[in-house]
Amino acid sequence: MFSFFSKRSKPTSFPFGTDIHSHLLPGIDDGVRTNEDAAAVITKLMSLGFSRFVTTPHINDVYKNTPELIRKSLASLKAFLSTTGLNADIEAAAEYYLDETVMAALEEHKPLLTFGKDHLLFETNYLSEPFFMKDFIFKAISSGYRPLLAHPERYQYMTIAKAEEYRSRGALFQVNLLSFVGYYSRPVQKMAEKLVETGCVDFLGSDCHNIMHAEALKDVLASRGFKKALDLDLLNKRL
């Protein structure tokens, strides 16, 4: 497929507007620590072309965040940003860790934090495929959610065959932008590129935790994998 960007050395900014994966609520997970940190990261991301942010704090055994706490933290950050003159469009969902707790929440019909058209961002352990992965996808979809797997390229158990199977069952995939420049490792970069080549990517996200991540994103613009990803029908553009 022809891409406008294929004839250019590199795009000058991220052209899809919305970043759907970040950790910008101060002090509630391993992301930014202060309101000032959040403002600095958001300012940098806006300079790279992002205009809207869905920040997604962790919900897991370490960071036992609740929807109420996340909403309160978001309101506090937005109040602070309004005092700085930074006009940032920011909302919050969550990045759920796939374990017995989130499975129970589905079974008990507890409301989970989503964005867009009920997109439910989740992650797994990095080493082995969760034995209830397929059951989770089925139950999430049956409950009206659209399960979205965060950074599939980073999981050691992931293969293209598994990716295609999960997607055939209804899961969506979100690749981290920094994976395209080997930020996490060369094998992760290769998997990200394979996912793009096979069309197994629905969203791109920064997974930005701090100003170092934000500043490193500029290198992504020149990467081969990122430019190829722009040929895909990325759902970021529809939010």
Protein backbone atom coordinates (compact mmCIF):
# COMPACT_ATOMS: atom_id res chain seq x y z
CA MET A 1 0.00 0.00 0.00
CA PHE A 2 1.25 3.42 -0.90
CA SER A 3 2.06 5.68 2.01
CA PHE A 4 2.50 9.43 1.91
CA PHE A 5 5.38 8.96 4.33
CA SER A 6 7.15 6.28 2.26
CA LYS A 7 8.85 8.92 0.11
CA ARG A 8 10.01 11.02 3.04
CA SER A 9 13.09 10.52 5.17
CA LYS A 10 10.96 10.85 8.30
CA PRO A 11 7.66 12.29 9.46
CA THR A 12 8.06 15.44 11.51
CA SER A 13 5.45 14.54 14.14
CA PHE A 14 3.06 11.79 15.19
CA PRO A 15 0.10 12.27 12.85
CA PHE A 16 -2.64 10.34 14.67
CA GLY A 17 -3.34 12.79 17.49
CA THR A 18 -4.34 10.55 20.39
CA ASP A 19 -1.97 8.67 22.68
CA ILE A 20 -3.91 5.87 24.37
CA HIS A 21 -1.29 4.47 26.75
CA SER A 22 0.67 6.50 29.30
CA HIS A 23 1.30 6.90 33.01
CA LEU A 24 0.75 10.58 33.70
CA LEU A 25 -1.19 10.67 36.97
CA PRO A 26 1.33 11.68 39.63
CA GLY A 27 2.40 9.26 42.32
CA ILE A 28 -0.14 6.46 41.87
CA ASP A 29 2.04 4.02 39.91
CA ASP A 30 5.51 3.85 38.35
CA GLY A 31 4.87 6.86 36.13
CA VAL A 32 5.41 10.56 36.82
CA ARG A 33 5.91 11.60 40.42
CA THR A 34 4.57 15.17 40.53
CA ASN A 35 2.16 17.48 38.72
CA GLU A 36 5.17 19.38 37.41
CA ASP A 37 6.60 16.16 35.97
CA ALA A 38 3.29 15.43 34.28
CA ALA A 39 3.14 18.92 32.77
CA ALA A 40 6.67 18.59 31.41
CA VAL A 41 5.92 15.23 29.80
CA ILE A 42 2.62 16.43 28.32
CA THR A 43 4.30 19.55 26.94
CA LYS A 44 6.93 17.41 25.24
CA LEU A 45 4.35 15.01 23.82
CA MET A 46 2.30 17.91 22.46
CA SER A 47 5.41 19.27 20.74
CA LEU A 48 5.66 15.90 18.96
CA GLY A 49 2.13 16.14 17.60
CA PHE A 50 -0.09 14.58 20.25
CA SER A 51 -3.20 16.60 21.08
CA ARG A 52 -5.19 14.17 23.21
CA PHE A 53 -4.17 11.77 25.97
CA VAL A 54 -5.77 8.70 27.53
CA THR A 55 -3.57 8.06 30.52
CA THR A 56 -3.69 4.51 31.85
CA PRO A 57 -2.35 3.91 35.37
CA HIS A 58 -1.59 0.35 36.38
CA ILE A 59 -4.09 -1.71 38.33
CA ASN A 60 -2.31 -4.75 39.72
CA ASP A 61 -1.06 -6.34 42.96
CA VAL A 62 1.54 -3.60 43.45
CA TYR A 63 -0.56 -0.60 42.45
CA LYS A 64 -4.02 -1.29 43.86
CA ASN A 65 -5.65 1.64 42.16
CA THR A 66 -9.42 1.96 42.00
CA PRO A 67 -11.61 3.81 39.50
CA GLU A 68 -12.43 6.32 42.25
CA LEU A 69 -8.76 7.01 43.03
CA ILE A 70 -7.90 7.34 39.34
CA ARG A 71 -10.75 9.77 38.70
CA LYS A 72 -9.73 11.83 41.75
CA SER A 73 -6.10 11.92 40.59
CA LEU A 74 -7.17 12.94 37.09
CA ALA A 75 -9.30 15.80 38.43
CA SER A 76 -6.37 17.01 40.55
CA LEU A 77 -3.99 16.94 37.58
CA LYS A 78 -6.44 18.77 35.33
CA ALA A 79 -6.91 21.45 37.98
CA PHE A 80 -3.15 21.90 38.15
CA LEU A 81 -2.76 22.03 34.37
CA SER A 82 -5.42 24.74 34.18
CA THR A 83 -3.25 26.96 36.36
CA THR A 84 -0.30 26.57 33.99
CA GLY A 85 -2.13 27.57 30.83
CA LEU A 86 -1.39 24.15 29.31
CA ASN A 87 -4.43 23.30 27.23
CA ALA A 88 -4.22 19.50 27.30
CA ASP A 89 -7.13 17.20 26.46
CA ILE A 90 -6.61 14.37 28.93
CA GLU A 91 -8.79 11.56 30.25
CA ALA A 92 -8.07 8.38 32.17
CA ALA A 93 -8.67 4.67 31.78
CA ALA A 94 -6.40 1.97 33.22
CA GLU A 95 -3.90 -0.74 32.34
CA TYR A 96 -5.20 -3.89 34.01
CA TYR A 97 -2.93 -6.79 34.84
CA LEU A 98 -4.45 -10.07 33.72
CA ASP A 99 -4.89 -12.12 36.88
CA GLU A 100 -7.58 -13.70 39.03
CA THR A 101 -8.66 -10.27 40.30
CA VAL A 102 -9.60 -8.87 36.92
CA MET A 103 -11.19 -12.18 35.94
CA ALA A 104 -13.33 -12.00 39.07
CA ALA A 105 -14.28 -8.41 38.29
CA LEU A 106 -15.58 -9.55 34.90
CA GLU A 107 -17.48 -12.45 36.39
CA GLU A 108 -19.03 -10.19 39.05
CA HIS A 109 -19.88 -7.54 36.43
CA LYS A 110 -17.89 -4.85 38.18
CA PRO A 111 -17.38 -1.80 35.95
CA LEU A 112 -13.87 -1.48 34.54
CA LEU A 113 -12.20 1.68 33.27
CA THR A 114 -12.17 1.91 29.49
CA PHE A 115 -11.69 4.48 26.74
CA GLY A 116 -13.23 5.09 23.34
CA LYS A 117 -15.73 2.40 22.42
CA ASP A 118 -15.25 0.35 25.60
CA HIS A 119 -11.62 -0.47 24.86
CA LEU A 120 -10.17 -2.33 27.84
CA LEU A 121 -6.37 -2.08 28.04
CA PHE A 122 -4.66 -5.02 29.71
CA GLU A 123 -1.21 -6.52 30.13
CA THR A 124 0.13 -9.91 31.15
CA ASN A 125 3.27 -11.31 32.70
CA TYR A 126 6.25 -11.14 30.37
CA LEU A 127 7.40 -14.76 30.42
CA SER A 128 4.54 -17.20 29.95
CA GLU A 129 1.13 -17.14 28.33
CA PRO A 130 -1.59 -16.86 30.98
CA PHE A 131 -3.54 -20.10 31.01
CA PHE A 132 -6.83 -18.16 31.06
CA MET A 133 -5.89 -15.72 28.28
CA LYS A 134 -8.46 -17.06 25.83
CA ASP A 135 -11.12 -17.23 28.52
CA PHE A 136 -10.42 -13.62 29.46
CA ILE A 137 -10.79 -12.46 25.86
CA PHE A 138 -14.11 -14.32 25.57
CA LYS A 139 -15.49 -13.03 28.88
CA ALA A 140 -14.39 -9.45 28.20
CA ILE A 141 -16.10 -9.43 24.82
CA SER A 142 -19.19 -11.11 26.28
CA SER A 143 -19.31 -8.31 28.89
CA GLY A 144 -19.31 -5.63 26.19
CA TYR A 145 -15.62 -4.72 26.29
CA ARG A 146 -13.07 -4.65 23.48
CA PRO A 147 -9.94 -6.21 25.04
CA LEU A 148 -6.77 -4.43 23.96
CA LEU A 149 -3.44 -6.12 24.72
CA ALA A 150 -0.75 -3.62 25.68
CA HIS A 151 2.72 -3.99 24.11
CA PRO A 152 2.39 -7.59 22.80
CA GLU A 153 5.87 -7.31 21.29
CA ARG A 154 7.40 -7.32 24.77
CA TYR A 155 6.06 -10.71 25.86
CA GLN A 156 8.54 -13.56 25.47
CA TYR A 157 5.73 -16.04 24.81
CA MET A 158 4.35 -14.04 21.89
CA THR A 159 4.58 -15.39 18.35
CA ILE A 160 2.89 -14.25 15.17
CA ALA A 161 0.75 -17.40 15.27
CA LYS A 162 -0.43 -16.56 18.80
CA ALA A 163 -1.02 -12.94 17.81
CA GLU A 164 -3.20 -13.99 14.91
CA GLU A 165 -5.13 -16.43 17.10
CA TYR A 166 -5.82 -13.81 19.80
CA ARG A 167 -6.95 -11.35 17.18
CA SER A 168 -9.20 -13.97 15.55
CA ARG A 169 -10.85 -14.30 18.97
CA GLY A 170 -11.49 -10.56 19.10
CA ALA A 171 -8.50 -9.08 20.91
CA LEU A 172 -6.90 -5.87 19.68
CA PHE A 173 -3.17 -5.08 19.88
CA GLN A 174 -1.33 -1.91 20.93
CA VAL A 175 2.38 -1.62 20.12
CA ASN A 176 4.67 0.75 22.02
CA LEU A 177 6.26 3.43 19.87
CA LEU A 178 9.66 3.07 21.56
CA SER A 179 9.75 -0.60 20.55
CA PHE A 180 10.49 0.52 16.98
CA VAL A 181 13.88 1.89 18.02
CA GLY A 182 14.97 -1.02 20.20
CA TYR A 183 14.37 0.85 23.44
CA TYR A 184 13.41 -2.35 25.26
CA SER A 185 15.71 -4.70 23.29
CA ARG A 186 16.49 -5.72 19.75
CA PRO A 187 14.24 -8.83 19.91
CA VAL A 188 11.34 -6.64 21.02
CA GLN A 189 12.00 -4.32 18.08
CA LYS A 190 11.97 -7.25 15.66
CA MET A 191 8.67 -8.53 17.05
CA ALA A 192 7.12 -5.07 16.78
CA GLU A 193 8.18 -4.92 13.14
CA LYS A 194 6.76 -8.41 12.48
CA LEU A 195 3.45 -7.43 14.04
CA VAL A 196 3.30 -4.42 11.73
CA GLU A 197 4.25 -6.48 8.68
CA THR A 198 1.46 -8.98 9.39
CA GLY A 199 -1.10 -6.27 10.16
CA CYS A 200 -1.46 -7.31 13.81
CA VAL A 201 -1.46 -3.74 15.17
CA ASP A 202 -4.57 -1.71 15.96
CA PHE A 203 -3.19 1.09 18.14
CA LEU A 204 0.17 2.71 18.79
CA GLY A 205 0.93 4.15 22.21
CA SER A 206 3.78 5.92 23.96
CA ASP A 207 3.59 3.98 27.27
CA CYS A 208 5.27 7.12 28.54
CA HIS A 209 6.28 7.04 32.21
CA ASN A 210 8.68 9.98 32.43
CA ILE A 211 10.44 12.77 30.55
CA MET A 212 13.16 10.38 29.32
CA HIS A 213 10.55 8.31 27.51
CA ALA A 214 8.99 11.45 26.05
CA GLU A 215 12.30 12.77 24.77
CA ALA A 216 13.27 9.40 23.27
CA LEU A 217 10.11 9.38 21.15
CA LYS A 218 11.63 11.79 18.63
CA ASP A 219 13.89 8.99 17.39
CA VAL A 220 10.84 6.86 16.57
CA LEU A 221 9.87 9.20 13.76
CA ALA A 222 12.80 8.02 11.63
CA SER A 223 12.32 4.30 12.29
CA ARG A 224 11.35 1.89 9.55
CA GLY A 225 8.80 0.06 11.68
CA PHE A 226 6.98 3.23 12.63
CA LYS A 227 6.76 4.48 9.06
CA LYS A 228 5.36 1.11 7.97
CA ALA A 229 2.85 1.23 10.83
CA LEU A 230 1.45 4.46 9.42
CA ASP A 231 0.16 2.45 6.45
CA LEU A 232 -2.14 0.52 8.79
CA ASP A 233 -5.69 1.57 9.65
CA LEU A 234 -4.71 2.66 13.16
CA LEU A 235 -7.65 3.13 15.49
CA ASN A 236 -5.92 6.08 17.21
CA LYS A 237 -7.23 8.15 14.31
CA ARG A 238 -10.86 7.33 15.12
CA LEU A 239 -10.93 8.40 18.76
